[in-house]
Amino acid sequence: MALTIIMVWFLGIGVLTAAGVIALARRWLTPRSEAAFLGLLLLPVAGVYLAFATYFHAPEAIRLVAGQVVVIGLLGLVGMRMPVVAAAGWVLHGGWDLWHEVASHGAGGLRPWMTPIPLAYGVFCAAVDWVIAGYLLRGRGERGEG
């Protein structure tokens, strides 16, 4: 029961975090620079797993994590000009987050080549990722760019 409450709590915090990022981006950026910002934001988001691998002393995970950073980072860079590609990066990263959450704290068990993560981080991050992806998929015209 406690784990369910924690997961729901972090799911809500993730949705609110994404709403805040979107609200600030809409307020301060033009539609074109907003899409570029949300694509570029994928780079540090993907890179967090390198910090986790270092912090949790998981050197075996560095190669897989570095590959994830490259793939998601490239989607983010291309997505700076093509929001649908950035949305794909956000969706994939959300899947990566949930995969780690389940492996770290649930069924399946963490493998040596996977990065441990803090409890409920995967749920929080997947919520952020998928809300931002949904926002990008809404289309640039609906955000005010004609």
Protein backbone atom coordinates (compact mmCIF):
# COMPACT_ATOMS: atom_id res chain seq x y z
CA MET A 1 0.00 0.00 0.00
CA ALA A 2 2.78 2.44 0.89
CA LEU A 3 4.58 1.78 -2.40
CA THR A 4 1.37 2.50 -4.32
CA ILE A 5 0.95 5.81 -2.49
CA ILE A 6 4.56 6.76 -3.25
CA MET A 7 4.15 5.88 -6.93
CA VAL A 8 0.89 7.83 -7.27
CA TRP A 9 2.46 10.80 -5.46
CA PHE A 10 5.45 10.86 -7.83
CA LEU A 11 3.18 10.40 -10.84
CA GLY A 12 1.31 13.54 -9.79
CA ILE A 13 4.53 15.44 -9.15
CA GLY A 14 5.76 14.43 -12.62
CA VAL A 15 2.60 15.68 -14.32
CA LEU A 16 2.82 18.97 -12.43
CA THR A 17 6.51 19.33 -13.29
CA ALA A 18 5.80 18.85 -16.99
CA ALA A 19 2.92 21.33 -16.79
CA GLY A 20 5.29 23.86 -15.23
CA VAL A 21 7.97 23.33 -17.89
CA ILE A 22 5.36 23.71 -20.63
CA ALA A 23 3.80 26.81 -19.03
CA LEU A 24 7.17 28.52 -18.68
CA ALA A 25 8.22 27.58 -22.21
CA ARG A 26 4.93 28.90 -23.63
CA ARG A 27 5.29 32.15 -21.70
CA TRP A 28 8.94 32.93 -22.46
CA LEU A 29 9.60 31.31 -25.84
CA THR A 30 8.24 31.59 -29.35
CA PRO A 31 6.68 28.41 -30.74
CA ARG A 32 9.80 27.69 -32.81
CA SER A 33 12.22 28.24 -29.93
CA GLU A 34 9.88 26.33 -27.60
CA ALA A 35 10.14 23.23 -29.81
CA ALA A 36 13.93 23.67 -29.98
CA PHE A 37 14.12 24.02 -26.19
CA LEU A 38 12.03 20.89 -25.58
CA GLY A 39 14.20 18.94 -28.03
CA LEU A 40 17.42 20.19 -26.47
CA LEU A 41 16.11 19.43 -22.97
CA LEU A 42 16.29 15.73 -23.82
CA LEU A 43 20.10 15.82 -23.61
CA PRO A 44 20.41 16.51 -19.87
CA VAL A 45 17.34 14.39 -19.14
CA ALA A 46 18.99 11.38 -20.81
CA GLY A 47 22.33 12.21 -19.19
CA VAL A 48 20.96 11.86 -15.66
CA TYR A 49 21.44 8.11 -15.96
CA LEU A 50 25.20 8.63 -16.30
CA ALA A 51 25.10 10.36 -12.90
CA PHE A 52 23.07 7.47 -11.46
CA ALA A 53 25.55 4.91 -12.81
CA THR A 54 28.39 6.81 -11.16
CA TYR A 55 26.59 7.51 -7.89
CA PHE A 56 25.33 3.94 -7.46
CA HIS A 57 28.73 2.48 -8.48
CA ALA A 58 27.44 0.63 -11.55
CA PRO A 59 30.38 0.74 -13.98
CA GLU A 60 28.92 -2.19 -15.94
CA ALA A 61 25.98 0.04 -16.87
CA ILE A 62 28.02 2.87 -18.41
CA ARG A 63 28.08 1.40 -21.93
CA LEU A 64 24.30 0.87 -22.08
CA VAL A 65 23.60 4.23 -20.49
CA ALA A 66 25.98 6.02 -22.86
CA GLY A 67 24.16 4.38 -25.77
CA GLN A 68 20.85 5.60 -24.39
CA VAL A 69 22.25 9.12 -24.07
CA VAL A 70 23.44 9.05 -27.69
CA VAL A 71 20.15 7.73 -29.11
CA ILE A 72 17.86 9.96 -27.03
CA GLY A 73 20.23 12.90 -27.45
CA LEU A 74 20.23 12.54 -31.24
CA LEU A 75 16.43 12.39 -31.25
CA GLY A 76 16.43 15.56 -29.17
CA LEU A 77 18.86 17.35 -31.49
CA VAL A 78 16.90 16.39 -34.60
CA GLY A 79 13.73 17.18 -32.68
CA MET A 80 14.83 20.77 -32.27
CA ARG A 81 13.68 21.23 -35.88
CA MET A 82 11.11 18.41 -36.03
CA PRO A 83 8.94 18.30 -32.89
CA VAL A 84 7.52 14.87 -33.76
CA VAL A 85 11.06 13.44 -33.52
CA ALA A 86 11.55 15.11 -30.13
CA ALA A 87 8.21 13.64 -29.05
CA ALA A 88 9.49 10.19 -30.05
CA GLY A 89 12.57 10.79 -27.92
CA TRP A 90 10.44 11.78 -24.93
CA VAL A 91 8.25 8.67 -25.38
CA LEU A 92 11.28 6.38 -25.64
CA HIS A 93 12.92 7.94 -22.62
CA GLY A 94 9.72 7.46 -20.61
CA GLY A 95 9.80 3.77 -21.53
CA TRP A 96 13.45 3.62 -20.46
CA ASP A 97 12.48 5.17 -17.12
CA LEU A 98 9.66 2.71 -16.45
CA TRP A 99 11.82 -0.23 -17.50
CA HIS A 100 14.39 0.80 -14.90
CA GLU A 101 11.68 1.37 -12.26
CA VAL A 102 10.28 -2.14 -12.71
CA ALA A 103 13.73 -3.73 -12.82
CA SER A 104 15.04 -1.76 -9.84
CA HIS A 105 12.08 -2.04 -7.51
CA GLY A 106 9.72 -4.62 -8.87
CA ALA A 107 9.49 -7.67 -11.05
CA GLY A 108 12.40 -8.87 -13.08
CA GLY A 109 15.29 -7.78 -10.90
CA LEU A 110 18.06 -5.35 -11.76
CA ARG A 111 20.75 -6.76 -14.03
CA PRO A 112 24.42 -5.77 -13.56
CA TRP A 113 24.34 -3.79 -16.82
CA MET A 114 21.40 -1.66 -15.66
CA THR A 115 21.57 1.53 -13.63
CA PRO A 116 19.94 1.58 -10.20
CA ILE A 117 17.61 4.54 -9.71
CA PRO A 118 15.97 6.16 -6.68
CA LEU A 119 12.57 4.83 -5.67
CA ALA A 120 9.75 6.19 -7.88
CA TYR A 121 12.14 8.14 -10.12
CA GLY A 122 11.05 6.12 -13.14
CA VAL A 123 7.38 6.87 -12.51
CA PHE A 124 8.09 10.57 -11.99
CA CYS A 125 10.27 10.87 -15.08
CA ALA A 126 7.94 8.83 -17.33
CA ALA A 127 5.10 11.15 -16.35
CA VAL A 128 7.18 14.21 -17.24
CA ASP A 129 8.39 12.60 -20.47
CA TRP A 130 4.98 11.50 -21.71
CA VAL A 131 3.20 14.77 -20.88
CA ILE A 132 5.87 16.71 -22.79
CA ALA A 133 5.65 14.22 -25.69
CA GLY A 134 1.88 14.67 -25.78
CA TYR A 135 2.31 18.42 -25.81
CA LEU A 136 4.74 18.23 -28.72
CA LEU A 137 2.43 15.89 -30.62
CA ARG A 138 -0.44 18.35 -30.28
CA GLY A 139 1.12 20.22 -33.15
CA ARG A 140 2.86 23.50 -33.62
CA GLY A 141 -0.15 25.19 -35.22
CA GLU A 142 -2.21 24.65 -32.09
CA ARG A 143 0.53 26.34 -30.05
CA GLY A 144 0.18 29.51 -32.05
CA GLU A 145 2.62 29.11 -34.92
CA GLY A 146 0.97 29.50 -38.28
